[in-house]
Amino acid sequence: MALDEPNDADLTCEHEGFALVIERELIEAFGGVSVDYITDSRGVGFDIRVKSEGPEGCGPDACSSCH
């Protein structure tokens, strides 16, 4: 994970006022990802999980706010 400016090779999704920028190549390779902000006994942070392709997965066309 890195802070970066979007470019033509990226997919940008906006949700609830937050923008997530992911390289299209990674979406194609992994079939999508989910990112959650969590708070637990270890502290706060992000939980990033790879999703599989299919009805439950998130791909470039699955999110109506992705472009």
N, C-alpha and C. Protein backbone atom coordinates (compact mmCIF):
# COMPACT_ATOMS: atom_id res chain seq x y z
N MET A 1 0.85 -1.15 0.00
CA MET A 1 0.00 0.00 0.00
C MET A 1 0.90 1.22 0.00
N ALA A 2 0.54 2.19 -0.85
CA ALA A 2 1.34 3.42 -0.92
C ALA A 2 0.44 4.59 -1.26
N LEU A 3 0.86 5.76 -0.87
CA LEU A 3 0.17 6.97 -1.27
C LEU A 3 0.73 7.39 -2.61
N ASP A 4 -0.16 7.61 -3.58
CA ASP A 4 0.28 7.89 -4.93
C ASP A 4 -0.82 8.64 -5.65
N GLU A 5 -0.48 9.26 -6.76
CA GLU A 5 -1.47 9.91 -7.62
C GLU A 5 -1.95 8.92 -8.67
N PRO A 6 -3.25 8.91 -8.99
CA PRO A 6 -3.76 7.98 -10.01
C PRO A 6 -3.15 8.28 -11.38
N ASN A 7 -3.01 7.23 -12.19
CA ASN A 7 -2.56 7.41 -13.57
C ASN A 7 -3.42 6.53 -14.47
N ASP A 8 -3.11 6.49 -15.75
CA ASP A 8 -3.93 5.77 -16.73
C ASP A 8 -3.96 4.26 -16.49
N ALA A 9 -3.00 3.71 -15.77
CA ALA A 9 -2.94 2.28 -15.51
C ALA A 9 -3.73 1.88 -14.26
N ASP A 10 -4.43 2.85 -13.64
CA ASP A 10 -5.12 2.61 -12.38
C ASP A 10 -6.64 2.58 -12.54
N LEU A 11 -7.29 1.92 -11.60
CA LEU A 11 -8.73 1.91 -11.45
C LEU A 11 -9.02 2.66 -10.16
N THR A 12 -9.92 3.62 -10.20
CA THR A 12 -10.25 4.41 -9.01
C THR A 12 -11.68 4.12 -8.59
N CYS A 13 -11.86 3.72 -7.34
CA CYS A 13 -13.19 3.48 -6.76
C CYS A 13 -13.39 4.48 -5.63
N GLU A 14 -14.57 5.10 -5.62
CA GLU A 14 -14.91 6.00 -4.53
C GLU A 14 -16.08 5.43 -3.77
N HIS A 15 -15.97 5.44 -2.45
CA HIS A 15 -17.03 4.91 -1.59
C HIS A 15 -17.08 5.72 -0.32
N GLU A 16 -18.24 6.28 -0.01
CA GLU A 16 -18.46 7.05 1.21
C GLU A 16 -17.40 8.14 1.40
N GLY A 17 -17.04 8.81 0.32
CA GLY A 17 -16.10 9.92 0.41
C GLY A 17 -14.64 9.56 0.35
N PHE A 18 -14.32 8.28 0.26
CA PHE A 18 -12.93 7.84 0.19
C PHE A 18 -12.64 7.30 -1.21
N ALA A 19 -11.46 7.60 -1.72
CA ALA A 19 -11.04 7.09 -3.03
C ALA A 19 -9.95 6.05 -2.83
N LEU A 20 -10.11 4.92 -3.52
CA LEU A 20 -9.13 3.85 -3.51
C LEU A 20 -8.61 3.69 -4.93
N VAL A 21 -7.30 3.76 -5.09
CA VAL A 21 -6.68 3.65 -6.40
C VAL A 21 -5.90 2.34 -6.45
N ILE A 22 -6.22 1.50 -7.44
CA ILE A 22 -5.59 0.19 -7.57
C ILE A 22 -5.11 0.02 -9.01
N GLU A 23 -3.92 -0.53 -9.16
CA GLU A 23 -3.42 -0.81 -10.50
C GLU A 23 -4.33 -1.83 -11.18
N ARG A 24 -4.77 -1.53 -12.40
CA ARG A 24 -5.64 -2.45 -13.14
C ARG A 24 -5.01 -3.84 -13.26
N GLU A 25 -3.70 -3.88 -13.42
CA GLU A 25 -2.97 -5.15 -13.54
C GLU A 25 -3.19 -6.03 -12.31
N LEU A 26 -3.21 -5.43 -11.12
CA LEU A 26 -3.44 -6.19 -9.89
C LEU A 26 -4.86 -6.71 -9.81
N ILE A 27 -5.83 -5.91 -10.22
CA ILE A 27 -7.23 -6.35 -10.23
C ILE A 27 -7.38 -7.55 -11.15
N GLU A 28 -6.77 -7.48 -12.33
CA GLU A 28 -6.84 -8.58 -13.28
C GLU A 28 -6.15 -9.83 -12.74
N ALA A 29 -5.02 -9.65 -12.08
CA ALA A 29 -4.25 -10.80 -11.57
C ALA A 29 -4.93 -11.47 -10.38
N PHE A 30 -5.55 -10.68 -9.50
CA PHE A 30 -6.12 -11.23 -8.28
C PHE A 30 -7.63 -11.35 -8.29
N GLY A 31 -8.30 -10.76 -9.27
CA GLY A 31 -9.74 -10.86 -9.34
C GLY A 31 -10.47 -9.90 -8.43
N GLY A 32 -9.78 -8.98 -7.79
CA GLY A 32 -10.40 -8.00 -6.92
C GLY A 32 -9.86 -8.05 -5.51
N VAL A 33 -10.13 -7.01 -4.77
CA VAL A 33 -9.71 -6.93 -3.37
C VAL A 33 -10.80 -6.26 -2.56
N SER A 34 -10.78 -6.51 -1.26
CA SER A 34 -11.63 -5.75 -0.34
C SER A 34 -10.70 -5.07 0.65
N VAL A 35 -11.07 -3.86 1.02
CA VAL A 35 -10.28 -3.09 1.98
C VAL A 35 -11.23 -2.61 3.08
N ASP A 36 -10.93 -2.99 4.32
CA ASP A 36 -11.73 -2.57 5.47
C ASP A 36 -10.84 -1.85 6.46
N TYR A 37 -11.37 -0.80 7.07
CA TYR A 37 -10.69 -0.11 8.16
C TYR A 37 -11.15 -0.79 9.44
N ILE A 38 -10.22 -1.30 10.24
CA ILE A 38 -10.59 -2.06 11.42
C ILE A 38 -9.97 -1.49 12.69
N THR A 39 -10.64 -1.76 13.79
CA THR A 39 -10.13 -1.44 15.12
C THR A 39 -10.25 -2.72 15.95
N ASP A 40 -9.13 -3.17 16.50
CA ASP A 40 -9.17 -4.36 17.35
C ASP A 40 -8.16 -4.21 18.47
N SER A 41 -7.91 -5.30 19.19
CA SER A 41 -7.01 -5.23 20.35
C SER A 41 -5.58 -4.85 19.99
N ARG A 42 -5.21 -5.02 18.71
CA ARG A 42 -3.85 -4.66 18.27
C ARG A 42 -3.75 -3.21 17.83
N GLY A 43 -4.89 -2.53 17.68
CA GLY A 43 -4.88 -1.14 17.25
C GLY A 43 -5.84 -0.94 16.09
N VAL A 44 -5.51 0.03 15.26
CA VAL A 44 -6.34 0.34 14.09
C VAL A 44 -5.51 0.16 12.83
N GLY A 45 -6.19 -0.10 11.73
CA GLY A 45 -5.46 -0.25 10.47
C GLY A 45 -6.38 -0.75 9.37
N PHE A 46 -5.78 -1.23 8.32
CA PHE A 46 -6.53 -1.72 7.16
C PHE A 46 -6.40 -3.23 7.05
N ASP A 47 -7.51 -3.87 6.70
CA ASP A 47 -7.54 -5.30 6.43
C ASP A 47 -7.75 -5.42 4.92
N ILE A 48 -6.73 -5.91 4.21
CA ILE A 48 -6.79 -6.02 2.75
C ILE A 48 -6.84 -7.50 2.40
N ARG A 49 -7.89 -7.89 1.68
CA ARG A 49 -8.08 -9.30 1.31
C ARG A 49 -8.30 -9.43 -0.18
N VAL A 50 -7.70 -10.46 -0.75
CA VAL A 50 -7.88 -10.77 -2.16
C VAL A 50 -9.19 -11.51 -2.32
N LYS A 51 -9.99 -11.09 -3.31
CA LYS A 51 -11.26 -11.77 -3.60
C LYS A 51 -11.08 -12.64 -4.82
N SER A 52 -11.88 -13.68 -4.91
CA SER A 52 -11.84 -14.53 -6.10
C SER A 52 -12.84 -14.03 -7.12
N GLU A 53 -12.60 -14.37 -8.39
CA GLU A 53 -13.53 -14.03 -9.45
C GLU A 53 -14.83 -14.78 -9.24
N GLY A 54 -15.89 -14.26 -9.73
CA GLY A 54 -17.18 -14.92 -9.64
C GLY A 54 -18.21 -13.98 -9.07
N PRO A 55 -19.41 -14.49 -8.79
CA PRO A 55 -20.49 -13.64 -8.32
C PRO A 55 -20.17 -12.88 -7.04
N GLU A 56 -19.36 -13.45 -6.17
CA GLU A 56 -19.03 -12.79 -4.91
C GLU A 56 -17.83 -11.86 -5.03
N GLY A 57 -17.07 -11.97 -6.11
CA GLY A 57 -15.84 -11.20 -6.28
C GLY A 57 -16.10 -9.81 -6.81
N CYS A 58 -15.13 -8.96 -6.66
CA CYS A 58 -15.20 -7.60 -7.18
C CYS A 58 -14.20 -7.50 -8.32
N GLY A 59 -14.68 -7.26 -9.48
CA GLY A 59 -13.82 -7.06 -10.64
C GLY A 59 -14.01 -5.65 -11.15
N PRO A 60 -13.34 -5.29 -12.24
CA PRO A 60 -13.42 -3.93 -12.75
C PRO A 60 -14.83 -3.49 -13.10
N ASP A 61 -15.75 -4.42 -13.40
CA ASP A 61 -17.11 -4.03 -13.78
C ASP A 61 -18.12 -4.22 -12.66
N ALA A 62 -17.69 -4.71 -11.49
CA ALA A 62 -18.63 -5.04 -10.42
C ALA A 62 -19.01 -3.84 -9.58
N CYS A 63 -18.23 -2.80 -9.56
CA CYS A 63 -18.47 -1.63 -8.71
C CYS A 63 -18.97 -0.49 -9.59
N SER A 64 -20.17 0.00 -9.33
CA SER A 64 -20.74 1.04 -10.19
C SER A 64 -19.99 2.37 -10.07
N SER A 65 -19.23 2.57 -8.98
CA SER A 65 -18.50 3.83 -8.84
C SER A 65 -17.06 3.72 -9.30
N CYS A 66 -16.65 2.54 -9.82
CA CYS A 66 -15.28 2.37 -10.33
C CYS A 66 -15.19 2.94 -11.73
N HIS A 67 -14.06 3.51 -12.05
CA HIS A 67 -13.83 4.04 -13.39
C HIS A 67 -12.35 4.03 -13.72
